[in-house]
Amino acid sequence: MAYKRQLQIALDRLDQGLARLHNLVKRGKNQEAIHYMNNDLKELYDELQNIISITPENDQSRVGFMGGR
């Protein structure tokens, strides 16, 4: 259950980050949006990718595996 909870938290954080990015672009703050994408949003994505790449203890809670890119 801890794996699913961590995954959901990371997904929620990424969703919030994408909403922030959308808001920045919508307001015409393109430079700030690019900076946000290259820093904060990238960290949120990396966090989610790391959680997905971890194999859970049992197969029932396994969501998937993303190979290294």
N, C-alpha and C. Protein backbone atom coordinates (compact mmCIF):
# COMPACT_ATOMS: atom_id res chain seq x y z
N MET A 1 0.80 -1.20 0.00
CA MET A 1 0.00 0.00 0.00
C MET A 1 0.85 1.27 0.00
N ALA A 2 2.00 1.22 0.62
CA ALA A 2 2.86 2.41 0.66
C ALA A 2 3.28 2.81 -0.75
N TYR A 3 3.51 1.81 -1.61
CA TYR A 3 3.91 2.08 -2.99
C TYR A 3 2.81 2.85 -3.73
N LYS A 4 1.58 2.38 -3.60
CA LYS A 4 0.46 3.05 -4.27
C LYS A 4 0.26 4.46 -3.73
N ARG A 5 0.44 4.64 -2.44
CA ARG A 5 0.28 5.96 -1.83
C ARG A 5 1.36 6.91 -2.34
N GLN A 6 2.61 6.43 -2.37
CA GLN A 6 3.70 7.27 -2.88
C GLN A 6 3.46 7.63 -4.35
N LEU A 7 2.99 6.67 -5.11
CA LEU A 7 2.72 6.90 -6.53
C LEU A 7 1.63 7.95 -6.70
N GLN A 8 0.56 7.84 -5.92
CA GLN A 8 -0.54 8.80 -6.02
C GLN A 8 -0.10 10.21 -5.63
N ILE A 9 0.72 10.31 -4.59
CA ILE A 9 1.23 11.61 -4.16
C ILE A 9 2.08 12.23 -5.27
N ALA A 10 2.94 11.43 -5.88
CA ALA A 10 3.80 11.94 -6.96
C ALA A 10 2.95 12.36 -8.17
N LEU A 11 1.92 11.58 -8.49
CA LEU A 11 1.03 11.95 -9.59
C LEU A 11 0.29 13.26 -9.29
N ASP A 12 -0.18 13.41 -8.08
CA ASP A 12 -0.86 14.64 -7.69
C ASP A 12 0.06 15.84 -7.78
N ARG A 13 1.30 15.67 -7.33
CA ARG A 13 2.26 16.77 -7.38
C ARG A 13 2.59 17.15 -8.83
N LEU A 14 2.73 16.15 -9.70
CA LEU A 14 2.99 16.42 -11.11
C LEU A 14 1.79 17.13 -11.73
N ASP A 15 0.59 16.70 -11.38
CA ASP A 15 -0.63 17.33 -11.89
C ASP A 15 -0.68 18.80 -11.46
N GLN A 16 -0.34 19.08 -10.22
CA GLN A 16 -0.32 20.46 -9.74
C GLN A 16 0.74 21.28 -10.48
N GLY A 17 1.88 20.64 -10.74
CA GLY A 17 2.95 21.31 -11.48
C GLY A 17 2.54 21.64 -12.90
N LEU A 18 1.83 20.72 -13.54
CA LEU A 18 1.35 20.97 -14.89
C LEU A 18 0.31 22.08 -14.91
N ALA A 19 -0.52 22.14 -13.88
CA ALA A 19 -1.51 23.21 -13.78
C ALA A 19 -0.81 24.56 -13.62
N ARG A 20 0.26 24.57 -12.84
CA ARG A 20 1.02 25.82 -12.67
C ARG A 20 1.64 26.24 -13.99
N LEU A 21 2.20 25.28 -14.72
CA LEU A 21 2.80 25.58 -16.02
C LEU A 21 1.74 26.13 -16.97
N HIS A 22 0.58 25.51 -17.00
CA HIS A 22 -0.51 25.97 -17.85
C HIS A 22 -0.89 27.42 -17.51
N ASN A 23 -0.95 27.70 -16.23
CA ASN A 23 -1.29 29.05 -15.77
C ASN A 23 -0.24 30.07 -16.21
N LEU A 24 1.03 29.70 -16.11
CA LEU A 24 2.09 30.61 -16.54
C LEU A 24 2.00 30.92 -18.03
N VAL A 25 1.78 29.88 -18.83
CA VAL A 25 1.68 30.06 -20.28
C VAL A 25 0.44 30.88 -20.62
N LYS A 26 -0.65 30.59 -19.95
CA LYS A 26 -1.91 31.30 -20.19
C LYS A 26 -1.77 32.80 -19.92
N ARG A 27 -0.96 33.15 -18.92
CA ARG A 27 -0.75 34.56 -18.58
C ARG A 27 0.35 35.20 -19.41
N GLY A 28 0.95 34.45 -20.33
CA GLY A 28 1.97 34.99 -21.22
C GLY A 28 3.35 35.08 -20.59
N LYS A 29 3.57 34.40 -19.48
CA LYS A 29 4.87 34.42 -18.82
C LYS A 29 5.73 33.27 -19.34
N ASN A 30 6.07 33.37 -20.61
CA ASN A 30 6.75 32.27 -21.28
C ASN A 30 8.15 31.99 -20.74
N GLN A 31 8.91 33.03 -20.46
CA GLN A 31 10.27 32.82 -19.92
C GLN A 31 10.20 32.14 -18.55
N GLU A 32 9.28 32.58 -17.72
CA GLU A 32 9.10 31.97 -16.41
C GLU A 32 8.63 30.52 -16.56
N ALA A 33 7.77 30.27 -17.55
CA ALA A 33 7.28 28.91 -17.81
C ALA A 33 8.43 27.99 -18.25
N ILE A 34 9.29 28.50 -19.11
CA ILE A 34 10.44 27.70 -19.56
C ILE A 34 11.36 27.39 -18.40
N HIS A 35 11.62 28.37 -17.56
CA HIS A 35 12.47 28.15 -16.39
C HIS A 35 11.83 27.10 -15.46
N TYR A 36 10.53 27.22 -15.25
CA TYR A 36 9.81 26.27 -14.40
C TYR A 36 9.88 24.86 -14.98
N MET A 37 9.72 24.74 -16.30
CA MET A 37 9.79 23.42 -16.94
C MET A 37 11.16 22.78 -16.77
N ASN A 38 12.20 23.58 -16.92
CA ASN A 38 13.57 23.05 -16.86
C ASN A 38 14.03 22.75 -15.45
N ASN A 39 13.32 23.22 -14.45
CA ASN A 39 13.76 23.02 -13.07
C ASN A 39 12.72 22.27 -12.25
N ASP A 40 11.73 22.97 -11.75
CA ASP A 40 10.76 22.37 -10.83
C ASP A 40 9.95 21.25 -11.46
N LEU A 41 9.42 21.48 -12.67
CA LEU A 41 8.60 20.46 -13.31
C LEU A 41 9.43 19.21 -13.64
N LYS A 42 10.66 19.41 -14.05
CA LYS A 42 11.55 18.28 -14.33
C LYS A 42 11.77 17.45 -13.07
N GLU A 43 11.94 18.12 -11.94
CA GLU A 43 12.12 17.39 -10.67
C GLU A 43 10.89 16.57 -10.32
N LEU A 44 9.71 17.14 -10.53
CA LEU A 44 8.47 16.41 -10.26
C LEU A 44 8.35 15.18 -11.15
N TYR A 45 8.69 15.35 -12.43
CA TYR A 45 8.64 14.23 -13.37
C TYR A 45 9.66 13.15 -12.98
N ASP A 46 10.87 13.57 -12.64
CA ASP A 46 11.91 12.61 -12.24
C ASP A 46 11.50 11.84 -11.00
N GLU A 47 10.87 12.52 -10.05
CA GLU A 47 10.40 11.86 -8.84
C GLU A 47 9.38 10.77 -9.18
N LEU A 48 8.44 11.09 -10.05
CA LEU A 48 7.43 10.12 -10.47
C LEU A 48 8.08 8.96 -11.22
N GLN A 49 9.00 9.26 -12.10
CA GLN A 49 9.67 8.21 -12.87
C GLN A 49 10.45 7.27 -11.95
N ASN A 50 11.10 7.81 -10.92
CA ASN A 50 11.83 6.97 -9.98
C ASN A 50 10.90 6.05 -9.21
N ILE A 51 9.75 6.54 -8.82
CA ILE A 51 8.79 5.70 -8.09
C ILE A 51 8.26 4.59 -8.99
N ILE A 52 7.95 4.93 -10.23
CA ILE A 52 7.42 3.92 -11.16
C ILE A 52 8.47 2.86 -11.44
N SER A 53 9.73 3.24 -11.50
CA SER A 53 10.81 2.31 -11.81
C SER A 53 11.10 1.34 -10.67
N ILE A 54 10.64 1.66 -9.47
CA ILE A 54 10.87 0.78 -8.32
C ILE A 54 9.89 -0.38 -8.39
N THR A 55 10.38 -1.58 -8.23
CA THR A 55 9.52 -2.75 -8.23
C THR A 55 8.91 -2.90 -6.85
N PRO A 56 7.58 -2.94 -6.73
CA PRO A 56 6.96 -3.12 -5.43
C PRO A 56 7.17 -4.54 -4.90
N GLU A 57 6.83 -4.72 -3.62
CA GLU A 57 7.08 -6.00 -2.97
C GLU A 57 6.22 -7.13 -3.52
N ASN A 58 5.01 -6.84 -3.96
CA ASN A 58 4.19 -7.91 -4.52
C ASN A 58 3.64 -7.48 -5.88
N ASP A 59 3.33 -8.45 -6.71
CA ASP A 59 2.89 -8.17 -8.08
C ASP A 59 1.53 -7.49 -8.14
N GLN A 60 0.71 -7.64 -7.11
CA GLN A 60 -0.62 -7.05 -7.13
C GLN A 60 -0.58 -5.53 -7.11
N SER A 61 0.45 -4.95 -6.51
CA SER A 61 0.52 -3.50 -6.45
C SER A 61 1.39 -2.91 -7.56
N ARG A 62 1.87 -3.76 -8.43
CA ARG A 62 2.73 -3.28 -9.51
C ARG A 62 1.91 -2.49 -10.53
N VAL A 63 2.37 -1.31 -10.84
CA VAL A 63 1.70 -0.46 -11.78
C VAL A 63 2.35 -0.59 -13.15
N GLY A 64 3.64 -0.65 -13.18
CA GLY A 64 4.34 -0.75 -14.45
C GLY A 64 5.81 -0.49 -14.27
N PHE A 65 6.53 -0.62 -15.35
CA PHE A 65 7.96 -0.39 -15.30
C PHE A 65 8.34 0.44 -16.51
N MET A 66 9.04 1.52 -16.23
CA MET A 66 9.55 2.35 -17.32
C MET A 66 11.05 2.11 -17.39
N GLY A 67 11.50 1.59 -18.49
CA GLY A 67 12.93 1.37 -18.66
C GLY A 67 13.68 2.68 -18.74
N GLY A 68 14.98 2.62 -18.49
CA GLY A 68 15.79 3.82 -18.55
C GLY A 68 15.81 4.41 -19.94
N ARG A 69 15.89 5.72 -19.99
CA ARG A 69 15.91 6.40 -21.29
C ARG A 69 17.25 7.01 -21.51
